[in-house]
Amino acid sequence: MITVNTDFIPGYTIVESLGIARGNTIRAKHIGKDIIAGLRTIIGGEIKEYTEMLTEARNAALQRMEWDAQQKGADAVINVRFMTSQVMTGAAELLAYGTAVKLQKNA
């Protein structure tokens, strides 16, 4: 599955738009990591526990978006975007979305 954040794919022509493909996940860290992350906010620096959580969430959301696109019969997803929101303290939703398309390789 080709996924790009542009509205075209070099070497291909988009022959059909199949609608929005999307995937999401909501992730939280366990209380121990929340405590460590809270301490990091006092001393400053990267909060690695949340960086790790969002990386995992981004990968899961992207995989789910690709699965959704495959179910629609897509060859690719263009204009891929990510959105995140806090759903509760220590838990975040990450949404990946884009336009599922059928492609034809240019001659």
N, C-alpha and C. Protein backbone atom coordinates (compact mmCIF):
# COMPACT_ATOMS: atom_id res chain seq x y z
N MET A 1 0.86 -1.18 0.00
CA MET A 1 0.00 0.00 0.00
C MET A 1 0.90 1.23 0.00
N ILE A 2 0.68 2.09 -0.97
CA ILE A 2 1.41 3.36 -1.03
C ILE A 2 0.66 4.37 -0.18
N THR A 3 1.37 5.06 0.72
CA THR A 3 0.77 6.12 1.51
C THR A 3 1.65 7.35 1.39
N VAL A 4 1.06 8.47 1.04
CA VAL A 4 1.80 9.72 0.88
C VAL A 4 1.01 10.88 1.47
N ASN A 5 1.73 11.94 1.81
CA ASN A 5 1.03 13.12 2.32
C ASN A 5 0.86 14.18 1.24
N THR A 6 1.07 13.81 -0.01
CA THR A 6 0.85 14.69 -1.15
C THR A 6 -0.45 14.29 -1.85
N ASP A 7 -0.89 15.11 -2.81
CA ASP A 7 -2.13 14.77 -3.53
C ASP A 7 -1.86 14.08 -4.86
N PHE A 8 -0.63 13.60 -5.05
CA PHE A 8 -0.27 12.85 -6.25
C PHE A 8 0.83 11.86 -5.90
N ILE A 9 1.04 10.89 -6.79
CA ILE A 9 2.12 9.91 -6.63
C ILE A 9 2.89 9.90 -7.94
N PRO A 10 4.15 10.31 -7.94
CA PRO A 10 4.93 10.34 -9.17
C PRO A 10 4.90 8.97 -9.87
N GLY A 11 4.68 8.99 -11.19
CA GLY A 11 4.65 7.76 -11.97
C GLY A 11 3.30 7.09 -12.05
N TYR A 12 2.31 7.67 -11.40
CA TYR A 12 0.96 7.09 -11.38
C TYR A 12 -0.08 8.15 -11.68
N THR A 13 -1.20 7.69 -12.23
CA THR A 13 -2.37 8.53 -12.43
C THR A 13 -3.46 8.01 -11.51
N ILE A 14 -4.13 8.91 -10.83
CA ILE A 14 -5.25 8.52 -9.98
C ILE A 14 -6.47 8.36 -10.88
N VAL A 15 -7.03 7.15 -10.90
CA VAL A 15 -8.15 6.89 -11.79
C VAL A 15 -9.50 6.86 -11.06
N GLU A 16 -9.45 6.74 -9.73
CA GLU A 16 -10.71 6.72 -8.98
C GLU A 16 -10.44 7.08 -7.53
N SER A 17 -11.31 7.90 -6.97
CA SER A 17 -11.26 8.23 -5.55
C SER A 17 -12.30 7.37 -4.85
N LEU A 18 -11.90 6.71 -3.77
CA LEU A 18 -12.78 5.75 -3.09
C LEU A 18 -13.26 6.26 -1.73
N GLY A 19 -12.97 7.51 -1.42
CA GLY A 19 -13.42 8.08 -0.16
C GLY A 19 -12.34 8.12 0.89
N ILE A 20 -12.73 8.50 2.07
CA ILE A 20 -11.79 8.66 3.18
C ILE A 20 -11.45 7.30 3.78
N ALA A 21 -10.16 7.08 3.97
CA ALA A 21 -9.68 5.91 4.72
C ALA A 21 -9.20 6.44 6.06
N ARG A 22 -9.52 5.73 7.13
CA ARG A 22 -9.13 6.22 8.44
C ARG A 22 -8.84 5.06 9.38
N GLY A 23 -8.04 5.37 10.36
CA GLY A 23 -7.73 4.41 11.42
C GLY A 23 -7.39 5.19 12.67
N ASN A 24 -7.80 4.68 13.82
CA ASN A 24 -7.48 5.39 15.05
C ASN A 24 -7.19 4.41 16.17
N THR A 25 -6.63 4.95 17.23
CA THR A 25 -6.39 4.20 18.44
C THR A 25 -6.35 5.18 19.60
N ILE A 26 -6.66 4.69 20.78
CA ILE A 26 -6.54 5.48 22.00
C ILE A 26 -5.56 4.73 22.89
N ARG A 27 -4.54 5.43 23.34
CA ARG A 27 -3.50 4.81 24.14
C ARG A 27 -3.29 5.54 25.45
N ALA A 28 -2.88 4.78 26.46
CA ALA A 28 -2.53 5.34 27.76
C ALA A 28 -1.36 4.54 28.32
N LYS A 29 -0.57 5.17 29.13
CA LYS A 29 0.52 4.49 29.83
C LYS A 29 0.04 4.08 31.22
N HIS A 30 0.68 3.07 31.78
CA HIS A 30 0.28 2.64 33.13
C HIS A 30 0.75 3.66 34.17
N ILE A 31 0.20 3.59 35.34
CA ILE A 31 0.39 4.59 36.38
C ILE A 31 1.87 4.82 36.72
N GLY A 32 2.68 3.78 36.67
CA GLY A 32 4.11 3.93 36.97
C GLY A 32 4.79 4.87 35.98
N LYS A 33 4.48 4.70 34.72
CA LYS A 33 5.08 5.57 33.70
C LYS A 33 4.48 6.97 33.76
N ASP A 34 3.21 7.08 34.17
CA ASP A 34 2.61 8.39 34.34
C ASP A 34 3.32 9.17 35.45
N ILE A 35 3.68 8.49 36.51
CA ILE A 35 4.39 9.14 37.62
C ILE A 35 5.76 9.63 37.14
N ILE A 36 6.48 8.78 36.42
CA ILE A 36 7.79 9.16 35.89
C ILE A 36 7.64 10.35 34.94
N ALA A 37 6.64 10.29 34.08
CA ALA A 37 6.40 11.40 33.14
C ALA A 37 6.09 12.69 33.90
N GLY A 38 5.31 12.59 34.97
CA GLY A 38 5.00 13.75 35.79
C GLY A 38 6.24 14.37 36.40
N LEU A 39 7.16 13.54 36.84
CA LEU A 39 8.42 14.04 37.40
C LEU A 39 9.25 14.75 36.32
N ARG A 40 9.21 14.22 35.11
CA ARG A 40 9.97 14.85 34.01
C ARG A 40 9.44 16.25 33.70
N THR A 41 8.15 16.48 33.94
CA THR A 41 7.62 17.82 33.67
C THR A 41 8.18 18.84 34.66
N ILE A 42 8.61 18.39 35.81
CA ILE A 42 9.19 19.28 36.81
C ILE A 42 10.62 19.66 36.44
N ILE A 43 11.41 18.67 36.00
CA ILE A 43 12.82 18.94 35.70
C ILE A 43 13.07 19.31 34.24
N GLY A 44 12.07 19.09 33.38
CA GLY A 44 12.20 19.45 31.97
C GLY A 44 12.80 18.33 31.14
N GLY A 45 12.82 18.53 29.84
CA GLY A 45 13.36 17.54 28.92
C GLY A 45 12.26 16.74 28.24
N GLU A 46 12.70 15.85 27.38
CA GLU A 46 11.75 15.01 26.65
C GLU A 46 11.05 14.04 27.59
N ILE A 47 9.76 13.89 27.39
CA ILE A 47 9.00 12.92 28.18
C ILE A 47 8.93 11.65 27.33
N LYS A 48 9.95 10.81 27.50
CA LYS A 48 10.13 9.64 26.64
C LYS A 48 8.96 8.66 26.71
N GLU A 49 8.33 8.57 27.87
CA GLU A 49 7.21 7.64 28.03
C GLU A 49 6.06 8.01 27.09
N TYR A 50 5.80 9.30 26.93
CA TYR A 50 4.72 9.74 26.04
C TYR A 50 5.16 9.74 24.59
N THR A 51 6.43 10.01 24.34
CA THR A 51 6.95 9.90 22.97
C THR A 51 6.77 8.48 22.46
N GLU A 52 7.11 7.52 23.31
CA GLU A 52 6.96 6.09 22.96
C GLU A 52 5.49 5.76 22.73
N MET A 53 4.62 6.25 23.61
CA MET A 53 3.19 5.97 23.49
C MET A 53 2.63 6.51 22.18
N LEU A 54 3.00 7.74 21.81
CA LEU A 54 2.48 8.32 20.58
C LEU A 54 3.07 7.66 19.33
N THR A 55 4.31 7.21 19.41
CA THR A 55 4.90 6.48 18.28
C THR A 55 4.14 5.18 18.04
N GLU A 56 3.86 4.45 19.12
CA GLU A 56 3.08 3.22 19.00
C GLU A 56 1.68 3.51 18.45
N ALA A 57 1.07 4.58 18.94
CA ALA A 57 -0.28 4.94 18.50
C ALA A 57 -0.28 5.33 17.02
N ARG A 58 0.72 6.10 16.59
CA ARG A 58 0.81 6.52 15.19
C ARG A 58 0.93 5.30 14.28
N ASN A 59 1.77 4.35 14.66
CA ASN A 59 1.95 3.14 13.85
C ASN A 59 0.66 2.32 13.77
N ALA A 60 -0.02 2.18 14.90
CA ALA A 60 -1.29 1.42 14.91
C ALA A 60 -2.34 2.12 14.06
N ALA A 61 -2.48 3.44 14.20
CA ALA A 61 -3.48 4.19 13.44
C ALA A 61 -3.19 4.10 11.94
N LEU A 62 -1.92 4.19 11.57
CA LEU A 62 -1.54 4.10 10.15
C LEU A 62 -1.87 2.72 9.59
N GLN A 63 -1.58 1.67 10.34
CA GLN A 63 -1.92 0.30 9.89
C GLN A 63 -3.43 0.14 9.73
N ARG A 64 -4.19 0.68 10.65
CA ARG A 64 -5.64 0.57 10.57
C ARG A 64 -6.20 1.38 9.40
N MET A 65 -5.59 2.52 9.11
CA MET A 65 -6.01 3.32 7.95
C MET A 65 -5.74 2.53 6.66
N GLU A 66 -4.55 1.92 6.57
CA GLU A 66 -4.21 1.12 5.39
C GLU A 66 -5.17 -0.05 5.23
N TRP A 67 -5.53 -0.71 6.33
CA TRP A 67 -6.49 -1.81 6.28
C TRP A 67 -7.83 -1.31 5.76
N ASP A 68 -8.28 -0.15 6.26
CA ASP A 68 -9.54 0.43 5.80
C ASP A 68 -9.49 0.71 4.30
N ALA A 69 -8.36 1.24 3.83
CA ALA A 69 -8.20 1.52 2.40
C ALA A 69 -8.23 0.22 1.58
N GLN A 70 -7.59 -0.82 2.08
CA GLN A 70 -7.60 -2.11 1.38
C GLN A 70 -9.02 -2.66 1.28
N GLN A 71 -9.81 -2.49 2.33
CA GLN A 71 -11.20 -2.96 2.32
C GLN A 71 -12.01 -2.22 1.26
N LYS A 72 -11.62 -1.02 0.93
CA LYS A 72 -12.30 -0.23 -0.10
C LYS A 72 -11.77 -0.56 -1.51
N GLY A 73 -10.72 -1.40 -1.59
CA GLY A 73 -10.14 -1.76 -2.88
C GLY A 73 -9.09 -0.78 -3.37
N ALA A 74 -8.53 0.01 -2.48
CA ALA A 74 -7.56 1.05 -2.86
C ALA A 74 -6.18 0.48 -3.13
N ASP A 75 -5.46 1.19 -3.99
CA ASP A 75 -4.04 0.90 -4.24
C ASP A 75 -3.14 1.79 -3.39
N ALA A 76 -3.69 2.94 -2.97
CA ALA A 76 -2.90 3.92 -2.23
C ALA A 76 -3.81 4.81 -1.40
N VAL A 77 -3.17 5.55 -0.48
CA VAL A 77 -3.86 6.60 0.28
C VAL A 77 -3.04 7.87 0.10
N ILE A 78 -3.70 8.91 -0.39
CA ILE A 78 -3.02 10.19 -0.59
C ILE A 78 -3.49 11.20 0.45
N ASN A 79 -2.75 12.30 0.56
CA ASN A 79 -3.08 13.36 1.53
C ASN A 79 -3.21 12.83 2.95
N VAL A 80 -2.29 11.93 3.33
CA VAL A 80 -2.36 11.33 4.67
C VAL A 80 -2.04 12.39 5.72
N ARG A 81 -2.86 12.40 6.75
CA ARG A 81 -2.71 13.35 7.86
C ARG A 81 -2.89 12.60 9.18
N PHE A 82 -2.33 13.17 10.23
CA PHE A 82 -2.50 12.65 11.58
C PHE A 82 -3.13 13.72 12.45
N MET A 83 -3.96 13.29 13.37
CA MET A 83 -4.57 14.21 14.32
C MET A 83 -4.55 13.52 15.69
N THR A 84 -4.30 14.28 16.71
CA THR A 84 -4.30 13.71 18.05
C THR A 84 -5.15 14.57 18.97
N SER A 85 -5.72 13.92 19.96
CA SER A 85 -6.49 14.66 20.95
C SER A 85 -6.40 13.92 22.28
N GLN A 86 -6.45 14.68 23.34
CA GLN A 86 -6.44 14.10 24.68
C GLN A 86 -7.87 13.72 25.03
N VAL A 87 -8.10 12.46 25.38
CA VAL A 87 -9.45 12.03 25.74
C VAL A 87 -9.63 11.98 27.25
N MET A 88 -8.52 11.89 27.98
CA MET A 88 -8.52 11.97 29.43
C MET A 88 -7.07 12.16 29.85
N THR A 89 -6.83 12.49 31.09
CA THR A 89 -5.46 12.68 31.55
C THR A 89 -4.66 11.39 31.32
N GLY A 90 -3.56 11.52 30.59
CA GLY A 90 -2.70 10.37 30.35
C GLY A 90 -3.13 9.47 29.20
N ALA A 91 -4.19 9.82 28.50
CA ALA A 91 -4.64 9.01 27.37
C ALA A 91 -4.89 9.91 26.17
N ALA A 92 -4.42 9.45 25.02
CA ALA A 92 -4.57 10.24 23.80
C ALA A 92 -5.10 9.38 22.67
N GLU A 93 -5.93 10.01 21.84
CA GLU A 93 -6.38 9.37 20.61
C GLU A 93 -5.50 9.86 19.48
N LEU A 94 -5.11 8.95 18.61
CA LEU A 94 -4.40 9.34 17.41
C LEU A 94 -5.19 8.82 16.22
N LEU A 95 -5.49 9.72 15.29
CA LEU A 95 -6.27 9.40 14.10
C LEU A 95 -5.39 9.61 12.88
N ALA A 96 -5.34 8.63 11.99
CA ALA A 96 -4.68 8.76 10.69
C ALA A 96 -5.78 8.72 9.64
N TYR A 97 -5.71 9.63 8.66
CA TYR A 97 -6.74 9.64 7.63
C TYR A 97 -6.17 10.18 6.33
N GLY A 98 -6.82 9.80 5.24
CA GLY A 98 -6.43 10.26 3.92
C GLY A 98 -7.47 9.80 2.90
N THR A 99 -7.18 10.06 1.63
CA THR A 99 -8.10 9.67 0.56
C THR A 99 -7.63 8.37 -0.07
N ALA A 100 -8.48 7.36 -0.06
CA ALA A 100 -8.19 6.08 -0.69
C ALA A 100 -8.41 6.23 -2.19
N VAL A 101 -7.45 5.76 -3.00
CA VAL A 101 -7.52 5.91 -4.44
C VAL A 101 -7.10 4.65 -5.18
N LYS A 102 -7.60 4.53 -6.40
CA LYS A 102 -7.14 3.50 -7.34
C LYS A 102 -6.13 4.18 -8.26
N LEU A 103 -5.07 3.47 -8.62
CA LEU A 103 -4.00 4.02 -9.43
C LEU A 103 -3.84 3.28 -10.74
N GLN A 104 -3.24 3.99 -11.69
CA GLN A 104 -2.80 3.38 -12.95
C GLN A 104 -1.37 3.86 -13.14
N LYS A 105 -0.46 2.91 -13.39
CA LYS A 105 0.94 3.26 -13.62
C LYS A 105 1.10 3.94 -14.97
N ASN A 106 1.83 5.05 -14.98
CA ASN A 106 2.07 5.76 -16.23
C ASN A 106 3.01 4.96 -17.12
N ALA A 107 2.78 5.06 -18.42
CA ALA A 107 3.61 4.32 -19.38
C ALA A 107 4.95 4.97 -19.58
